[in-house]
Amino acid sequence: MNQGELVQKLDAFFAVQQYDERAYWQRVIPSAALSAYEHLARAEFFGGTWNGLMLDATAEVDRVYLIVFPGQAVLDTILALELERGAPGALIFAHHPTDFEESGRGFIGISEAQLEDLREHNISAYCCHAPLDNHAEINTASALAKALKLRDVQPIITAAGPIDGVHGNVRDLNFGQMAERLAEVTELPYIRYNQIRFNAQPVEHVAVLPGGGDQKERLERVRALGCDTLITGYWWPSGSHEYAEEQRAALRTLIPDLPMNLLGASHYASEMVVLRDILPGWFRGVGVEARFVRQPEPWR
């Protein structure tokens, strides 16, 4: 398929130009790593919204790789698969434009060497962060809620308008069973002990916030809805970076008074469901094969 045609379809469906994340990504990516994006990413991407076609390396695409974070192991897997078939032209559809160490440094950039490798082997890269989180039909929260078999699912809307997760109902399921179901649908061997908080609430009205559920305003929004259980990527940040330390300090005063059960899978695991379960069908619908590539370590 012609890459330009595919990019136009993606841009239109996800309305990528409506979500300008340039300031955010250029703040959270270490300054030393930003030079790789400045040198190799499309000028329209680096100086634009940071959603859409980031790396332009091929004119034709006959396979799409769906990923959450462009970590080294994930990109190496894609490069190996493309080398095996002669690198005829592929596109990476990434939820984030940068790698992420949940238990370490937080967001880290893609190296210049890796971006060069992708370009040399005819592999373009497309980023879709806020547009995928906020899309009315295909989004990270709705996909996870569907996998968890929630009923009567409704969007959680911010004051500014975008979707910030969903909430719905569940029947005949206790907290332990919900934790087991979450681990199963996100392909985790278990839920980490520091992401489990049973607050003696029945599991009936469940909120789903994929990714980072450690922001005070997001937690207060869920509390206002009367939810008894929150499912998120993580509600207690375990990284060693400054942002994680700031969030932990704020959460120490908020969490004890939060009348909810809390369950965290991982940032990656909570957001991969839409890429694994929903997006392959969208790409088949426009005439191109799509494969989800798993991250080897969900909590790295």
C-alpha atoms as a PDB file:
ATOM      1  CA  MET A   1       0.000   0.000   0.000  1.00  0.00           C
ATOM      2  CA  ASN A   2       1.193   3.494  -0.722  1.00  0.00           C
ATOM      3  CA  GLN A   3       2.507   5.023   2.515  1.00  0.00           C
ATOM      4  CA  GLY A   4       1.112   8.460   1.754  1.00  0.00           C
ATOM      5  CA  GLU A   5      -2.373   7.013   1.304  1.00  0.00           C
ATOM      6  CA  LEU A   6      -2.123   5.033   4.549  1.00  0.00           C
ATOM      7  CA  VAL A   7      -0.865   8.062   6.487  1.00  0.00           C
ATOM      8  CA  GLN A   8      -3.722  10.166   5.171  1.00  0.00           C
ATOM      9  CA  LYS A   9      -6.225   7.564   6.386  1.00  0.00           C
ATOM     10  CA  LEU A  10      -4.594   7.419   9.820  1.00  0.00           C
ATOM     11  CA  ASP A  11      -4.351  11.205  10.131  1.00  0.00           C
ATOM     12  CA  ALA A  12      -8.017  11.613   9.252  1.00  0.00           C
ATOM     13  CA  PHE A  13      -9.364   8.782  11.406  1.00  0.00           C
ATOM     14  CA  PHE A  14      -7.442   9.779  14.539  1.00  0.00           C
ATOM     15  CA  ALA A  15      -7.567  13.547  13.880  1.00  0.00           C
ATOM     16  CA  VAL A  16      -3.908  13.777  14.854  1.00  0.00           C
ATOM     17  CA  GLN A  17      -3.600  17.507  14.218  1.00  0.00           C
ATOM     18  CA  GLN A  18      -6.104  18.243  16.994  1.00  0.00           C
ATOM     19  CA  TYR A  19      -3.681  17.045  19.685  1.00  0.00           C
ATOM     20  CA  ASP A  20      -0.560  19.156  19.982  1.00  0.00           C
ATOM     21  CA  GLU A  21       1.871  17.377  22.340  1.00  0.00           C
ATOM     22  CA  ARG A  22       5.069  19.036  21.217  1.00  0.00           C
ATOM     23  CA  ALA A  23       5.674  20.916  24.472  1.00  0.00           C
ATOM     24  CA  TYR A  24       5.015  17.813  26.562  1.00  0.00           C
ATOM     25  CA  TRP A  25       7.359  15.453  24.721  1.00  0.00           C
ATOM     26  CA  GLN A  26      10.131  17.994  24.346  1.00  0.00           C
ATOM     27  CA  ARG A  27       9.945  18.534  28.103  1.00  0.00           C
ATOM     28  CA  VAL A  28       9.926  14.897  29.258  1.00  0.00           C
ATOM     29  CA  ILE A  29      12.490  13.517  26.800  1.00  0.00           C
ATOM     30  CA  PRO A  30      16.026  14.211  28.060  1.00  0.00           C
ATOM     31  CA  SER A  31      17.571  17.107  26.170  1.00  0.00           C
ATOM     32  CA  ALA A  32      20.537  15.013  25.043  1.00  0.00           C
ATOM     33  CA  ALA A  33      18.164  12.540  23.386  1.00  0.00           C
ATOM     34  CA  LEU A  34      16.114  15.192  21.574  1.00  0.00           C
ATOM     35  CA  SER A  35      18.900  15.773  19.052  1.00  0.00           C
ATOM     36  CA  ALA A  36      18.204  12.375  17.455  1.00  0.00           C
ATOM     37  CA  TYR A  37      14.604  13.398  16.772  1.00  0.00           C
ATOM     38  CA  GLU A  38      15.677  16.809  15.503  1.00  0.00           C
ATOM     39  CA  HIS A  39      18.154  15.249  13.065  1.00  0.00           C
ATOM     40  CA  LEU A  40      16.117  12.304  11.786  1.00  0.00           C
ATOM     41  CA  ALA A  41      12.418  12.873  12.426  1.00  0.00           C
ATOM     42  CA  ARG A  42      10.365  14.730   9.849  1.00  0.00           C
ATOM     43  CA  ALA A  43      10.558  18.487  10.372  1.00  0.00           C
ATOM     44  CA  GLU A  44       6.738  18.572  10.305  1.00  0.00           C
ATOM     45  CA  PHE A  45       6.722  16.131  13.228  1.00  0.00           C
ATOM     46  CA  PHE A  46       9.457  17.692  15.355  1.00  0.00           C
ATOM     47  CA  GLY A  47       8.073  21.200  14.900  1.00  0.00           C
ATOM     48  CA  GLY A  48       4.465  20.064  14.856  1.00  0.00           C
ATOM     49  CA  THR A  49       2.110  18.124  17.095  1.00  0.00           C
ATOM     50  CA  TRP A  50       4.336  15.075  17.717  1.00  0.00           C
ATOM     51  CA  ASN A  51       1.526  12.890  16.383  1.00  0.00           C
ATOM     52  CA  GLY A  52       1.506  11.424  12.883  1.00  0.00           C
ATOM     53  CA  LEU A  53       4.343  10.311  10.609  1.00  0.00           C
ATOM     54  CA  MET A  54       7.596  10.722  12.549  1.00  0.00           C
ATOM     55  CA  LEU A  55      10.137   8.843  10.413  1.00  0.00           C
ATOM     56  CA  ASP A  56       9.708   8.707   6.640  1.00  0.00           C
ATOM     57  CA  ALA A  57      11.674   5.756   5.269  1.00  0.00           C
ATOM     58  CA  THR A  58       9.600   4.064   2.571  1.00  0.00           C
ATOM     59  CA  ALA A  59       7.137   4.826  -0.207  1.00  0.00           C
ATOM     60  CA  GLU A  60       5.269   1.512   0.060  1.00  0.00           C
ATOM     61  CA  VAL A  61       4.024  -0.329   3.158  1.00  0.00           C
ATOM     62  CA  ASP A  62       2.949  -3.961   3.097  1.00  0.00           C
ATOM     63  CA  ARG A  63       3.189  -4.589   6.850  1.00  0.00           C
ATOM     64  CA  VAL A  64       2.478  -2.513   9.962  1.00  0.00           C
ATOM     65  CA  TYR A  65       3.992  -3.240  13.382  1.00  0.00           C
ATOM     66  CA  LEU A  66       1.891  -2.164  16.375  1.00  0.00           C
ATOM     67  CA  ILE A  67       3.820  -1.245  19.522  1.00  0.00           C
ATOM     68  CA  VAL A  68       3.298   0.602  22.807  1.00  0.00           C
ATOM     69  CA  PHE A  69       6.841   1.892  23.380  1.00  0.00           C
ATOM     70  CA  PRO A  70       9.738   1.924  20.866  1.00  0.00           C
ATOM     71  CA  GLY A  71      12.181   0.207  23.208  1.00  0.00           C
ATOM     72  CA  GLN A  72      15.431  -1.303  21.943  1.00  0.00           C
ATOM     73  CA  ALA A  73      14.259  -4.920  22.245  1.00  0.00           C
ATOM     74  CA  VAL A  74      11.011  -4.151  20.398  1.00  0.00           C
ATOM     75  CA  LEU A  75      12.782  -2.275  17.591  1.00  0.00           C
ATOM     76  CA  ASP A  76      15.403  -5.035  17.298  1.00  0.00           C
ATOM     77  CA  THR A  77      12.595  -7.578  16.888  1.00  0.00           C
ATOM     78  CA  ILE A  78      11.045  -5.525  14.102  1.00  0.00           C
ATOM     79  CA  LEU A  79      14.390  -5.049  12.361  1.00  0.00           C
ATOM     80  CA  ALA A  80      15.046  -8.801  12.491  1.00  0.00           C
ATOM     81  CA  LEU A  81      11.627  -9.577  11.011  1.00  0.00           C
ATOM     82  CA  GLU A  82      12.146  -7.077   8.218  1.00  0.00           C
ATOM     83  CA  LEU A  83      15.651  -8.301   7.434  1.00  0.00           C
ATOM     84  CA  GLU A  84      14.291 -11.837   7.220  1.00  0.00           C
ATOM     85  CA  ARG A  85      11.847 -10.849   4.495  1.00  0.00           C
ATOM     86  CA  GLY A  86      14.155  -8.499   2.625  1.00  0.00           C
ATOM     87  CA  ALA A  87      12.939  -5.177   4.039  1.00  0.00           C
ATOM     88  CA  PRO A  88      10.359  -4.369   1.329  1.00  0.00           C
ATOM     89  CA  GLY A  89       8.811  -1.534   3.330  1.00  0.00           C
ATOM     90  CA  ALA A  90       7.056  -1.366   6.697  1.00  0.00           C
ATOM     91  CA  LEU A  91       5.491   1.106   9.100  1.00  0.00           C
ATOM     92  CA  ILE A  92       5.692   1.113  12.887  1.00  0.00           C
ATOM     93  CA  PHE A  93       2.508   2.385  14.523  1.00  0.00           C
ATOM     94  CA  ALA A  94       3.663   3.413  18.011  1.00  0.00           C
ATOM     95  CA  HIS A  95       1.480   4.690  20.832  1.00  0.00           C
ATOM     96  CA  HIS A  96       4.439   6.679  22.210  1.00  0.00           C
ATOM     97  CA  PRO A  97       7.286   8.401  20.337  1.00  0.00           C
ATOM     98  CA  THR A  98       9.762   7.405  23.026  1.00  0.00           C
ATOM     99  CA  ASP A  99      10.739   4.458  25.184  1.00  0.00           C
ATOM    100  CA  PHE A 100       9.739   4.302  28.849  1.00  0.00           C
ATOM    101  CA  GLU A 101      11.336   2.723  31.910  1.00  0.00           C
ATOM    102  CA  GLU A 102       8.510   2.312  34.402  1.00  0.00           C
ATOM    103  CA  SER A 103      10.818   1.070  37.157  1.00  0.00           C
ATOM    104  CA  GLY A 104      13.745   3.287  36.229  1.00  0.00           C
ATOM    105  CA  ARG A 105      14.397   6.548  34.405  1.00  0.00           C
ATOM    106  CA  GLY A 106      10.927   7.198  32.991  1.00  0.00           C
ATOM    107  CA  PHE A 107      10.743   8.425  29.379  1.00  0.00           C
ATOM    108  CA  ILE A 108      13.948   8.013  27.402  1.00  0.00           C
ATOM    109  CA  GLY A 109      14.553   8.799  23.762  1.00  0.00           C
ATOM    110  CA  ILE A 110      15.137   6.522  20.806  1.00  0.00           C
ATOM    111  CA  SER A 111      18.829   6.545  19.945  1.00  0.00           C
ATOM    112  CA  GLU A 112      20.061   8.075  16.722  1.00  0.00           C
ATOM    113  CA  ALA A 113      21.612   4.731  15.767  1.00  0.00           C
ATOM    114  CA  GLN A 114      18.254   2.967  16.072  1.00  0.00           C
ATOM    115  CA  LEU A 115      16.467   5.608  14.034  1.00  0.00           C
ATOM    116  CA  GLU A 116      19.180   5.285  11.373  1.00  0.00           C
ATOM    117  CA  ASP A 117      18.739   1.483  11.360  1.00  0.00           C
ATOM    118  CA  LEU A 118      15.009   1.843  10.815  1.00  0.00           C
ATOM    119  CA  ARG A 119      15.477   4.305   7.980  1.00  0.00           C
ATOM    120  CA  GLU A 120      18.165   2.190   6.289  1.00  0.00           C
ATOM    121  CA  HIS A 121      15.832  -0.815   6.292  1.00  0.00           C
ATOM    122  CA  ASN A 122      12.783   0.974   4.869  1.00  0.00           C
ATOM    123  CA  ILE A 123      10.883   1.123   8.165  1.00  0.00           C
ATOM    124  CA  SER A 124       8.900   4.281   8.790  1.00  0.00           C
ATOM    125  CA  ALA A 125       7.418   5.232  12.160  1.00  0.00           C
ATOM    126  CA  TYR A 126       4.037   6.763  12.990  1.00  0.00           C
ATOM    127  CA  CYS A 127       3.102   8.019  16.481  1.00  0.00           C
ATOM    128  CA  CYS A 128      -0.403   8.216  17.890  1.00  0.00           C
ATOM    129  CA  HIS A 129      -0.478   9.089  21.597  1.00  0.00           C
ATOM    130  CA  ALA A 130      -3.301  11.400  22.726  1.00  0.00           C
ATOM    131  CA  PRO A 131      -5.326  10.701  19.551  1.00  0.00           C
ATOM    132  CA  LEU A 132      -5.433   6.988  20.414  1.00  0.00           C
ATOM    133  CA  ASP A 133      -6.220   7.623  24.084  1.00  0.00           C
ATOM    134  CA  ASN A 134      -9.059  10.001  23.222  1.00  0.00           C
ATOM    135  CA  HIS A 135     -10.668   8.543  20.099  1.00  0.00           C
ATOM    136  CA  ALA A 136     -14.408   7.963  20.449  1.00  0.00           C
ATOM    137  CA  GLU A 137     -14.374   4.537  18.733  1.00  0.00           C
ATOM    138  CA  ILE A 138     -10.902   3.048  19.189  1.00  0.00           C
ATOM    139  CA  ASN A 139      -9.082   3.968  22.377  1.00  0.00           C
ATOM    140  CA  THR A 140      -6.909   2.397  25.055  1.00  0.00           C
ATOM    141  CA  ALA A 141      -9.519   2.542  27.829  1.00  0.00           C
ATOM    142  CA  SER A 142     -12.462   1.092  25.898  1.00  0.00           C
ATOM    143  CA  ALA A 143     -10.346  -1.795  24.631  1.00  0.00           C
ATOM    144  CA  LEU A 144      -9.233  -2.726  28.153  1.00  0.00           C
ATOM    145  CA  ALA A 145     -12.789  -2.363  29.491  1.00  0.00           C
ATOM    146  CA  LYS A 146     -14.046  -4.682  26.750  1.00  0.00           C
ATOM    147  CA  ALA A 147     -11.389  -7.276  27.575  1.00  0.00           C
ATOM    148  CA  LEU A 148     -12.372  -7.047  31.259  1.00  0.00           C
ATOM    149  CA  LYS A 149     -16.052  -7.588  30.267  1.00  0.00           C
ATOM    150  CA  LEU A 150     -17.369  -4.401  31.835  1.00  0.00           C
ATOM    151  CA  ARG A 151     -21.014  -3.564  31.155  1.00  0.00           C
ATOM    152  CA  ASP A 152     -22.695  -0.242  30.386  1.00  0.00           C
ATOM    153  CA  VAL A 153     -19.361   1.409  29.653  1.00  0.00           C
ATOM    154  CA  GLN A 154     -19.328   5.211  29.573  1.00  0.00           C
ATOM    155  CA  PRO A 155     -16.475   7.650  28.844  1.00  0.00           C
ATOM    156  CA  ILE A 156     -14.906   9.744  31.581  1.00  0.00           C
ATOM    157  CA  ILE A 157     -14.743  13.267  30.193  1.00  0.00           C
ATOM    158  CA  THR A 158     -12.355  15.961  31.380  1.00  0.00           C
ATOM    159  CA  ALA A 159     -13.430  19.557  31.919  1.00  0.00           C
ATOM    160  CA  ALA A 160     -11.683  20.439  28.659  1.00  0.00           C
ATOM    161  CA  GLY A 161     -13.574  17.770  26.725  1.00  0.00           C
ATOM    162  CA  PRO A 162     -11.193  14.865  25.901  1.00  0.00           C
ATOM    163  CA  ILE A 163     -11.876  11.319  27.061  1.00  0.00           C
ATOM    164  CA  ASP A 164      -9.874  10.390  30.162  1.00  0.00           C
ATOM    165  CA  GLY A 165     -10.731   6.724  30.569  1.00  0.00           C
ATOM    166  CA  VAL A 166     -14.034   4.915  30.929  1.00  0.00           C
ATOM    167  CA  HIS A 167     -16.184   3.469  33.704  1.00  0.00           C
ATOM    168  CA  GLY A 168     -18.648   0.608  33.754  1.00  0.00           C
ATOM    169  CA  ASN A 169     -20.263  -2.130  35.795  1.00  0.00           C
ATOM    170  CA  VAL A 170     -19.389  -5.720  36.621  1.00  0.00           C
ATOM    171  CA  ARG A 171     -21.381  -8.473  38.313  1.00  0.00           C
ATOM    172  CA  ASP A 172     -20.546 -11.414  40.548  1.00  0.00           C
ATOM    173  CA  LEU A 173     -16.837 -10.688  40.736  1.00  0.00           C
ATOM    174  CA  ASN A 174     -14.811 -10.138  43.879  1.00  0.00           C
ATOM    175  CA  PHE A 175     -11.551  -8.202  44.148  1.00  0.00           C
ATOM    176  CA  GLY A 176      -9.315 -11.256  43.834  1.00  0.00           C
ATOM    177  CA  GLN A 177     -11.167 -12.446  40.751  1.00  0.00           C
ATOM    178  CA  MET A 178     -10.911  -9.014  39.160  1.00  0.00           C
ATOM    179  CA  ALA A 179      -7.159  -8.985  39.803  1.00  0.00           C
ATOM    180  CA  GLU A 180      -6.875 -12.410  38.167  1.00  0.00           C
ATOM    181  CA  ARG A 181      -8.908 -11.260  35.170  1.00  0.00           C
ATOM    182  CA  LEU A 182      -6.754  -8.135  34.790  1.00  0.00           C
ATOM    183  CA  ALA A 183      -3.564 -10.209  34.816  1.00  0.00           C
ATOM    184  CA  GLU A 184      -5.020 -12.613  32.271  1.00  0.00           C
ATOM    185  CA  VAL A 185      -6.208 -10.053  29.714  1.00  0.00           C
ATOM    186  CA  THR A 186      -2.955  -8.051  29.974  1.00  0.00           C
ATOM    187  CA  GLU A 187      -0.774 -11.188  29.701  1.00  0.00           C
ATOM    188  CA  LEU A 188       0.869 -10.630  33.089  1.00  0.00           C
ATOM    189  CA  PRO A 189       2.031 -13.531  35.290  1.00  0.00           C
ATOM    190  CA  TYR A 190       0.746 -11.630  38.342  1.00  0.00           C
ATOM    191  CA  ILE A 191      -0.167  -8.175  39.639  1.00  0.00           C
ATOM    192  CA  ARG A 192       2.663  -6.585  41.626  1.00  0.00           C
ATOM    193  CA  TYR A 193       2.076  -6.248  45.359  1.00  0.00           C
ATOM    194  CA  ASN A 194       2.786  -2.490  45.294  1.00  0.00           C
ATOM    195  CA  GLN A 195      -0.004  -2.001  42.732  1.00  0.00           C
ATOM    196  CA  ILE A 196      -2.692  -3.758  44.783  1.00  0.00           C
ATOM    197  CA  ARG A 197      -4.794  -1.912  47.345  1.00  0.00           C
ATOM    198  CA  PHE A 198      -7.916  -3.676  48.596  1.00  0.00           C
ATOM    199  CA  ASN A 199      -9.994  -1.088  50.421  1.00  0.00           C
ATOM    200  CA  ALA A 200     -12.878  -3.398  51.437  1.00  0.00           C
ATOM    201  CA  GLN A 201     -15.091  -2.083  48.631  1.00  0.00           C
ATOM    202  CA  PRO A 202     -17.372  -4.316  46.525  1.00  0.00           C
ATOM    203  CA  VAL A 203     -16.290  -4.619  42.909  1.00  0.00           C
ATOM    204  CA  GLU A 204     -19.320  -3.268  41.050  1.00  0.00           C
ATOM    205  CA  HIS A 205     -18.552   0.155  39.553  1.00  0.00           C
ATOM    206  CA  VAL A 206     -15.134   0.073  37.893  1.00  0.00           C
ATOM    207  CA  ALA A 207     -13.087   2.890  36.358  1.00  0.00           C
ATOM    208  CA  VAL A 208     -10.416   2.139  33.742  1.00  0.00           C
ATOM    209  CA  LEU A 209      -7.528   4.603  33.282  1.00  0.00           C
ATOM    210  CA  PRO A 210      -4.769   3.027  31.137  1.00  0.00           C
ATOM    211  CA  GLY A 211      -1.232   4.308  31.483  1.00  0.00           C
ATOM    212  CA  GLY A 212      -0.313   6.460  34.456  1.00  0.00           C
ATOM    213  CA  GLY A 213      -3.110   6.629  37.026  1.00  0.00           C
ATOM    214  CA  ASP A 214      -1.011   8.525  39.544  1.00  0.00           C
ATOM    215  CA  GLN A 215      -2.254  12.063  38.874  1.00  0.00           C
ATOM    216  CA  LYS A 216      -4.340  13.634  41.620  1.00  0.00           C
ATOM    217  CA  GLU A 217      -6.883  15.166  39.240  1.00  0.00           C
ATOM    218  CA  ARG A 218      -7.526  11.816  37.515  1.00  0.00           C
ATOM    219  CA  LEU A 219      -8.044  10.021  40.825  1.00  0.00           C
ATOM    220  CA  GLU A 220     -10.365  12.731  42.111  1.00  0.00           C
ATOM    221  CA  ARG A 221     -12.371  12.582  38.881  1.00  0.00           C
ATOM    222  CA  VAL A 222     -12.915   8.850  39.383  1.00  0.00           C
ATOM    223  CA  ARG A 223     -13.839   9.364  43.038  1.00  0.00           C
ATOM    224  CA  ALA A 224     -16.471  11.918  42.018  1.00  0.00           C
ATOM    225  CA  LEU A 225     -18.112   9.282  39.805  1.00  0.00           C
ATOM    226  CA  GLY A 226     -18.593   7.020  42.826  1.00  0.00           C
ATOM    227  CA  CYS A 227     -16.453   4.190  41.473  1.00  0.00           C
ATOM    228  CA  ASP A 228     -15.495   1.504  43.977  1.00  0.00           C
ATOM    229  CA  THR A 229     -12.547   0.111  41.992  1.00  0.00           C
ATOM    230  CA  LEU A 230      -9.876   1.677  39.782  1.00  0.00           C
ATOM    231  CA  ILE A 231      -7.927  -0.278  37.173  1.00  0.00           C
ATOM    232  CA  THR A 232      -4.956   1.499  35.685  1.00  0.00           C
ATOM    233  CA  GLY A 233      -1.414   1.015  34.423  1.00  0.00           C
ATOM    234  CA  TYR A 234       0.069   2.069  37.724  1.00  0.00           C
ATOM    235  CA  TRP A 235      -1.246   4.186  40.568  1.00  0.00           C
ATOM    236  CA  TRP A 236       1.980   4.104  42.586  1.00  0.00           C
ATOM    237  CA  PRO A 237       4.958   5.274  40.461  1.00  0.00           C
ATOM    238  CA  SER A 238       8.063   3.202  41.112  1.00  0.00           C
ATOM    239  CA  GLY A 239      10.575   4.996  38.898  1.00  0.00           C
ATOM    240  CA  SER A 240      13.752   6.701  40.049  1.00  0.00           C
ATOM    241  CA  HIS A 241      13.151   9.969  38.165  1.00  0.00           C
ATOM    242  CA  GLU A 242      12.125  13.312  39.653  1.00  0.00           C
ATOM    243  CA  TYR A 243       8.517  13.186  38.433  1.00  0.00           C
ATOM    244  CA  ALA A 244       7.939   9.825  40.155  1.00  0.00           C
ATOM    245  CA  GLU A 245       9.309  11.174  43.417  1.00  0.00           C
ATOM    246  CA  GLU A 246       7.001  14.202  43.223  1.00  0.00           C
ATOM    247  CA  GLN A 247       3.977  12.012  42.523  1.00  0.00           C
ATOM    248  CA  ARG A 248       4.749   9.667  45.421  1.00  0.00           C
ATOM    249  CA  ALA A 249       4.881  12.631  47.790  1.00  0.00           C
ATOM    250  CA  ALA A 250       1.466  13.855  46.633  1.00  0.00           C
ATOM    251  CA  LEU A 251      -0.085  10.375  46.714  1.00  0.00           C
ATOM    252  CA  ARG A 252       0.947   9.747  50.322  1.00  0.00           C
ATOM    253  CA  THR A 253      -1.653  12.281  51.428  1.00  0.00           C
ATOM    254  CA  LEU A 254      -4.303  11.366  48.842  1.00  0.00           C
ATOM    255  CA  ILE A 255      -4.374   7.560  48.811  1.00  0.00           C
ATOM    256  CA  PRO A 256      -5.275   6.951  52.500  1.00  0.00           C
ATOM    257  CA  ASP A 257      -8.509   8.938  52.048  1.00  0.00           C
ATOM    258  CA  LEU A 258      -9.429   7.418  48.666  1.00  0.00           C
ATOM    259  CA  PRO A 259     -12.451   5.110  49.153  1.00  0.00           C
ATOM    260  CA  MET A 260     -11.574   2.745  46.303  1.00  0.00           C
ATOM    261  CA  ASN A 261      -9.853  -0.512  45.554  1.00  0.00           C
ATOM    262  CA  LEU A 262      -6.813   0.061  43.337  1.00  0.00           C
ATOM    263  CA  LEU A 263      -5.244  -2.286  40.791  1.00  0.00           C
ATOM    264  CA  GLY A 264      -2.288  -1.466  38.544  1.00  0.00           C
ATOM    265  CA  ALA A 265      -1.114  -3.708  35.702  1.00  0.00           C
ATOM    266  CA  SER A 266       1.752  -1.777  34.091  1.00  0.00           C
ATOM    267  CA  HIS A 267       1.857   1.220  31.790  1.00  0.00           C
ATOM    268  CA  TYR A 268       2.672  -1.038  28.860  1.00  0.00           C
ATOM    269  CA  ALA A 269       0.244  -3.830  29.759  1.00  0.00           C
ATOM    270  CA  SER A 270      -2.734  -1.529  30.272  1.00  0.00           C
ATOM    271  CA  GLU A 271      -2.258   0.125  26.870  1.00  0.00           C
ATOM    272  CA  MET A 272      -1.267  -2.837  24.739  1.00  0.00           C
ATOM    273  CA  VAL A 273      -4.770  -4.337  24.601  1.00  0.00           C
ATOM    274  CA  VAL A 274      -6.043  -1.893  21.964  1.00  0.00           C
ATOM    275  CA  LEU A 275      -2.988  -2.603  19.789  1.00  0.00           C
ATOM    276  CA  ARG A 276      -3.341  -6.362  20.187  1.00  0.00           C
ATOM    277  CA  ASP A 277      -7.128  -6.729  19.950  1.00  0.00           C
ATOM    278  CA  ILE A 278      -8.591  -3.798  18.008  1.00  0.00           C
ATOM    279  CA  LEU A 279      -6.127  -2.087  15.678  1.00  0.00           C
ATOM    280  CA  PRO A 280      -5.183  -5.146  13.557  1.00  0.00           C
ATOM    281  CA  GLY A 281      -8.777  -5.202  12.326  1.00  0.00           C
ATOM    282  CA  TRP A 282      -8.686  -1.490  11.455  1.00  0.00           C
ATOM    283  CA  PHE A 283      -5.577  -1.985   9.327  1.00  0.00           C
ATOM    284  CA  ARG A 284      -7.050  -5.059   7.623  1.00  0.00           C
ATOM    285  CA  GLY A 285     -10.003  -2.880   6.739  1.00  0.00           C
ATOM    286  CA  VAL A 286      -7.784  -0.479   4.803  1.00  0.00           C
ATOM    287  CA  GLY A 287      -5.884  -3.296   3.102  1.00  0.00           C
ATOM    288  CA  VAL A 288      -2.649  -3.830   5.019  1.00  0.00           C
ATOM    289  CA  GLU A 289      -1.394  -6.533   7.395  1.00  0.00           C
ATOM    290  CA  ALA A 290      -0.696  -5.465  10.986  1.00  0.00           C
ATOM    291  CA  ARG A 291       1.177  -7.350  13.695  1.00  0.00           C
ATOM    292  CA  PHE A 292       1.360  -6.531  17.392  1.00  0.00           C
ATOM    293  CA  VAL A 293       4.908  -6.749  18.825  1.00  0.00           C
ATOM    294  CA  ARG A 294       5.095  -7.486  22.541  1.00  0.00           C
ATOM    295  CA  GLN A 295       7.468  -5.824  24.972  1.00  0.00           C
ATOM    296  CA  PRO A 296       9.554  -8.570  26.634  1.00  0.00           C
ATOM    297  CA  GLU A 297       9.493  -7.024  30.129  1.00  0.00           C
ATOM    298  CA  PRO A 298       6.211  -5.318  31.091  1.00  0.00           C
ATOM    299  CA  TRP A 299       7.658  -3.589  34.178  1.00  0.00           C
ATOM    300  CA  ARG A 300      11.117  -2.581  32.978  1.00  0.00           C
END
